[in-house]
Amino acid sequence: MKHNELLRLLDKAYCVYSNFHVACILVDDQNKEYQGVNVEFASYPITLCAERNAIGTMITSSNSDHLPVIKQIHLMSDSNDSNASPCGMCRQALW
């Protein structure tokens, strides 16, 4: 299960402004994993979400002329809310 991996990734999030840690693991059709965490900047609108960060990792790690097919999305935040869900921009990027 990805739970323990996601917990370890949460510590790598760079969220000095919101203190809202998010970790993501994408799994492709070859069962290869791509990790991402959220990264905040002083200009808050350009914050990079964990999901889009993981997509960037997937693209830069790809050795072929076509992108892998995402089969699973694992997402975790450190919020007291039990559910983490991608934002609208990430939903568009993952589509």
N, C-alpha and C. Protein backbone atom coordinates (compact mmCIF):
# COMPACT_ATOMS: atom_id res chain seq x y z
N MET A 1 0.83 -1.19 0.00
CA MET A 1 0.00 0.00 0.00
C MET A 1 0.87 1.24 0.00
N LYS A 2 0.37 2.29 -0.59
CA LYS A 2 1.12 3.54 -0.75
C LYS A 2 1.07 4.44 0.49
N HIS A 3 0.31 4.07 1.49
CA HIS A 3 0.11 4.92 2.67
C HIS A 3 1.43 5.34 3.31
N ASN A 4 2.31 4.38 3.59
CA ASN A 4 3.58 4.71 4.24
C ASN A 4 4.48 5.54 3.35
N GLU A 5 4.48 5.26 2.04
CA GLU A 5 5.28 6.06 1.11
C GLU A 5 4.78 7.50 1.08
N LEU A 6 3.47 7.68 1.07
CA LEU A 6 2.90 9.02 1.06
C LEU A 6 3.22 9.77 2.35
N LEU A 7 3.16 9.07 3.47
CA LEU A 7 3.51 9.71 4.75
C LEU A 7 4.94 10.23 4.73
N ARG A 8 5.86 9.45 4.18
CA ARG A 8 7.26 9.89 4.09
C ARG A 8 7.41 11.08 3.14
N LEU A 9 6.66 11.06 2.06
CA LEU A 9 6.73 12.16 1.10
C LEU A 9 6.19 13.47 1.67
N LEU A 10 5.21 13.40 2.55
CA LEU A 10 4.63 14.62 3.12
C LEU A 10 5.70 15.53 3.72
N ASP A 11 6.72 14.94 4.32
CA ASP A 11 7.78 15.74 4.93
C ASP A 11 8.61 16.51 3.91
N LYS A 12 8.55 16.12 2.64
CA LYS A 12 9.33 16.78 1.60
C LYS A 12 8.61 17.97 0.98
N ALA A 13 7.33 18.13 1.30
CA ALA A 13 6.57 19.25 0.75
C ALA A 13 7.18 20.57 1.23
N TYR A 14 7.21 21.55 0.33
CA TYR A 14 7.73 22.88 0.67
C TYR A 14 6.53 23.82 0.74
N CYS A 15 6.01 23.98 1.95
CA CYS A 15 4.78 24.76 2.13
C CYS A 15 4.93 25.71 3.31
N VAL A 16 5.88 26.62 3.18
CA VAL A 16 6.21 27.53 4.28
C VAL A 16 5.14 28.58 4.52
N TYR A 17 4.24 28.79 3.57
CA TYR A 17 3.21 29.82 3.73
C TYR A 17 1.91 29.24 4.27
N SER A 18 1.44 28.15 3.71
CA SER A 18 0.16 27.58 4.14
C SER A 18 0.34 26.49 5.19
N ASN A 19 1.53 25.89 5.25
CA ASN A 19 1.80 24.74 6.11
C ASN A 19 0.83 23.59 5.82
N PHE A 20 0.40 23.49 4.57
CA PHE A 20 -0.52 22.44 4.11
C PHE A 20 0.28 21.49 3.22
N HIS A 21 0.68 20.36 3.78
CA HIS A 21 1.52 19.39 3.08
C HIS A 21 0.67 18.45 2.23
N VAL A 22 1.10 18.24 0.98
CA VAL A 22 0.40 17.32 0.09
C VAL A 22 1.44 16.45 -0.62
N ALA A 23 1.15 15.16 -0.73
CA ALA A 23 2.02 14.22 -1.45
C ALA A 23 1.17 13.43 -2.44
N CYS A 24 1.79 13.09 -3.56
CA CYS A 24 1.09 12.35 -4.61
C CYS A 24 2.02 11.28 -5.19
N ILE A 25 1.45 10.13 -5.47
CA ILE A 25 2.15 9.08 -6.22
C ILE A 25 1.25 8.67 -7.37
N LEU A 26 1.77 8.80 -8.59
CA LEU A 26 1.07 8.32 -9.78
C LEU A 26 1.66 6.96 -10.15
N VAL A 27 0.82 6.04 -10.56
CA VAL A 27 1.27 4.72 -11.00
C VAL A 27 0.80 4.54 -12.44
N ASP A 28 1.74 4.17 -13.33
CA ASP A 28 1.38 4.03 -14.75
C ASP A 28 1.01 2.59 -15.10
N ASP A 29 0.75 2.38 -16.38
CA ASP A 29 0.32 1.06 -16.85
C ASP A 29 1.42 0.01 -16.79
N GLN A 30 2.65 0.42 -16.51
CA GLN A 30 3.77 -0.52 -16.32
C GLN A 30 4.11 -0.66 -14.83
N ASN A 31 3.26 -0.13 -13.96
CA ASN A 31 3.43 -0.13 -12.50
C ASN A 31 4.64 0.67 -12.04
N LYS A 32 5.09 1.62 -12.85
CA LYS A 32 6.16 2.53 -12.44
C LYS A 32 5.53 3.68 -11.66
N GLU A 33 6.22 4.11 -10.60
CA GLU A 33 5.69 5.16 -9.73
C GLU A 33 6.40 6.49 -9.98
N TYR A 34 5.62 7.56 -9.88
CA TYR A 34 6.13 8.92 -10.02
C TYR A 34 5.64 9.72 -8.82
N GLN A 35 6.56 10.34 -8.11
CA GLN A 35 6.21 11.04 -6.88
C GLN A 35 6.24 12.55 -7.07
N GLY A 36 5.42 13.22 -6.29
CA GLY A 36 5.41 14.67 -6.28
C GLY A 36 4.90 15.20 -4.96
N VAL A 37 5.33 16.39 -4.60
CA VAL A 37 4.84 17.09 -3.42
C VAL A 37 4.51 18.52 -3.82
N ASN A 38 3.72 19.20 -3.00
CA ASN A 38 3.42 20.59 -3.31
C ASN A 38 4.62 21.47 -2.97
N VAL A 39 4.78 22.52 -3.78
CA VAL A 39 5.88 23.47 -3.62
C VAL A 39 5.29 24.87 -3.71
N GLU A 40 5.41 25.64 -2.62
CA GLU A 40 4.84 26.98 -2.58
C GLU A 40 5.90 28.03 -2.86
N PHE A 41 5.43 29.14 -3.43
CA PHE A 41 6.29 30.29 -3.71
C PHE A 41 5.66 31.52 -3.08
N ALA A 42 6.45 32.59 -2.94
CA ALA A 42 5.93 33.83 -2.35
C ALA A 42 4.74 34.36 -3.16
N SER A 43 4.78 34.17 -4.46
CA SER A 43 3.64 34.50 -5.31
C SER A 43 2.73 33.28 -5.31
N TYR A 44 1.77 33.28 -4.41
CA TYR A 44 0.98 32.09 -4.13
C TYR A 44 0.30 31.45 -5.36
N PRO A 45 -0.20 32.25 -6.33
CA PRO A 45 -0.87 31.61 -7.48
C PRO A 45 0.03 30.68 -8.31
N ILE A 46 1.34 30.80 -8.19
CA ILE A 46 2.20 29.92 -8.98
C ILE A 46 2.64 28.68 -8.20
N THR A 47 2.00 28.45 -7.07
CA THR A 47 2.28 27.24 -6.29
C THR A 47 2.12 26.01 -7.18
N LEU A 48 3.00 25.05 -7.00
CA LEU A 48 2.95 23.81 -7.77
C LEU A 48 2.33 22.73 -6.89
N CYS A 49 1.20 22.21 -7.32
CA CYS A 49 0.52 21.15 -6.57
C CYS A 49 1.28 19.84 -6.71
N ALA A 50 1.08 18.95 -5.76
CA ALA A 50 1.76 17.65 -5.76
C ALA A 50 1.44 16.84 -7.01
N GLU A 51 0.20 16.90 -7.46
CA GLU A 51 -0.21 16.11 -8.62
C GLU A 51 0.53 16.56 -9.88
N ARG A 52 0.58 17.88 -10.11
CA ARG A 52 1.27 18.40 -11.29
C ARG A 52 2.77 18.21 -11.17
N ASN A 53 3.28 18.24 -9.96
CA ASN A 53 4.70 17.94 -9.74
C ASN A 53 4.99 16.49 -10.13
N ALA A 54 4.11 15.58 -9.75
CA ALA A 54 4.28 14.17 -10.11
C ALA A 54 4.18 13.96 -11.62
N ILE A 55 3.31 14.72 -12.28
CA ILE A 55 3.22 14.65 -13.74
C ILE A 55 4.54 15.09 -14.37
N GLY A 56 5.14 16.16 -13.83
CA GLY A 56 6.44 16.60 -14.31
C GLY A 56 7.50 15.53 -14.14
N THR A 57 7.47 14.85 -13.01
CA THR A 57 8.41 13.74 -12.77
C THR A 57 8.18 12.64 -13.80
N MET A 58 6.92 12.34 -14.09
CA MET A 58 6.59 11.31 -15.07
C MET A 58 7.13 11.68 -16.45
N ILE A 59 6.95 12.93 -16.85
CA ILE A 59 7.39 13.36 -18.17
C ILE A 59 8.91 13.32 -18.28
N THR A 60 9.61 13.82 -17.26
CA THR A 60 11.07 13.85 -17.33
C THR A 60 11.70 12.48 -17.16
N SER A 61 10.96 11.53 -16.58
CA SER A 61 11.48 10.18 -16.38
C SER A 61 11.19 9.26 -17.56
N SER A 62 10.33 9.69 -18.46
CA SER A 62 9.92 8.84 -19.57
C SER A 62 11.05 8.64 -20.57
N ASN A 63 11.27 7.40 -20.98
CA ASN A 63 12.31 7.07 -21.94
C ASN A 63 11.76 6.83 -23.34
N SER A 64 10.50 7.07 -23.54
CA SER A 64 9.91 6.77 -24.84
C SER A 64 9.36 8.03 -25.49
N ASP A 65 8.86 7.88 -26.70
CA ASP A 65 8.30 9.01 -27.43
C ASP A 65 6.87 9.33 -27.01
N HIS A 66 6.26 8.47 -26.24
CA HIS A 66 4.90 8.72 -25.76
C HIS A 66 4.87 8.67 -24.23
N LEU A 67 3.93 9.38 -23.68
CA LEU A 67 3.81 9.42 -22.22
C LEU A 67 3.17 8.15 -21.70
N PRO A 68 3.57 7.71 -20.51
CA PRO A 68 2.91 6.57 -19.88
C PRO A 68 1.44 6.89 -19.59
N VAL A 69 0.65 5.87 -19.46
CA VAL A 69 -0.77 6.01 -19.12
C VAL A 69 -0.91 5.91 -17.61
N ILE A 70 -1.52 6.92 -17.00
CA ILE A 70 -1.72 6.92 -15.55
C ILE A 70 -2.88 5.97 -15.22
N LYS A 71 -2.60 5.00 -14.35
CA LYS A 71 -3.62 4.02 -13.95
C LYS A 71 -4.13 4.27 -12.53
N GLN A 72 -3.27 4.82 -11.67
CA GLN A 72 -3.66 5.05 -10.28
C GLN A 72 -3.14 6.41 -9.82
N ILE A 73 -3.92 7.06 -8.98
CA ILE A 73 -3.52 8.32 -8.35
C ILE A 73 -3.67 8.14 -6.85
N HIS A 74 -2.57 8.28 -6.13
CA HIS A 74 -2.59 8.19 -4.66
C HIS A 74 -2.25 9.58 -4.13
N LEU A 75 -3.10 10.09 -3.25
CA LEU A 75 -2.97 11.46 -2.78
C LEU A 75 -3.18 11.51 -1.28
N MET A 76 -2.35 12.30 -0.59
CA MET A 76 -2.49 12.44 0.86
C MET A 76 -2.13 13.87 1.27
N SER A 77 -2.87 14.39 2.22
CA SER A 77 -2.52 15.68 2.83
C SER A 77 -2.43 15.49 4.33
N ASP A 78 -1.88 16.49 4.99
CA ASP A 78 -1.78 16.40 6.45
C ASP A 78 -2.94 17.10 7.13
N SER A 79 -3.98 17.38 6.38
CA SER A 79 -5.16 18.04 6.91
C SER A 79 -5.93 17.09 7.83
N ASN A 80 -6.66 17.65 8.77
CA ASN A 80 -7.53 16.84 9.63
C ASN A 80 -8.69 16.25 8.84
N ASP A 81 -8.96 16.85 7.68
CA ASP A 81 -9.99 16.33 6.80
C ASP A 81 -9.52 14.98 6.26
N SER A 82 -10.36 13.98 6.31
CA SER A 82 -9.92 12.62 5.95
C SER A 82 -9.74 12.41 4.45
N ASN A 83 -10.28 13.30 3.63
CA ASN A 83 -10.21 13.12 2.18
C ASN A 83 -9.36 14.20 1.53
N ALA A 84 -8.48 13.79 0.63
CA ALA A 84 -7.72 14.73 -0.19
C ALA A 84 -8.20 14.55 -1.62
N SER A 85 -8.38 15.65 -2.31
CA SER A 85 -8.90 15.61 -3.67
C SER A 85 -8.14 16.61 -4.53
N PRO A 86 -7.85 16.29 -5.79
CA PRO A 86 -7.14 17.24 -6.65
C PRO A 86 -7.95 18.51 -6.88
N CYS A 87 -7.23 19.62 -7.02
CA CYS A 87 -7.89 20.89 -7.34
C CYS A 87 -8.31 20.87 -8.81
N GLY A 88 -8.99 21.89 -9.26
CA GLY A 88 -9.46 21.94 -10.64
C GLY A 88 -8.34 21.91 -11.66
N MET A 89 -7.26 22.66 -11.41
CA MET A 89 -6.14 22.66 -12.36
C MET A 89 -5.53 21.27 -12.47
N CYS A 90 -5.38 20.59 -11.34
CA CYS A 90 -4.79 19.24 -11.36
C CYS A 90 -5.72 18.25 -12.05
N ARG A 91 -7.02 18.40 -11.85
CA ARG A 91 -7.97 17.52 -12.54
C ARG A 91 -7.83 17.68 -14.05
N GLN A 92 -7.67 18.93 -14.49
CA GLN A 92 -7.48 19.17 -15.93
C GLN A 92 -6.17 18.54 -16.41
N ALA A 93 -5.10 18.71 -15.64
CA ALA A 93 -3.79 18.18 -16.03
C ALA A 93 -3.79 16.66 -16.04
N LEU A 94 -4.50 16.04 -15.11
CA LEU A 94 -4.54 14.58 -15.04
C LEU A 94 -5.44 13.98 -16.11
N TRP A 95 -6.33 14.76 -16.66
CA TRP A 95 -7.26 14.26 -17.66
C TRP A 95 -6.52 13.90 -18.90
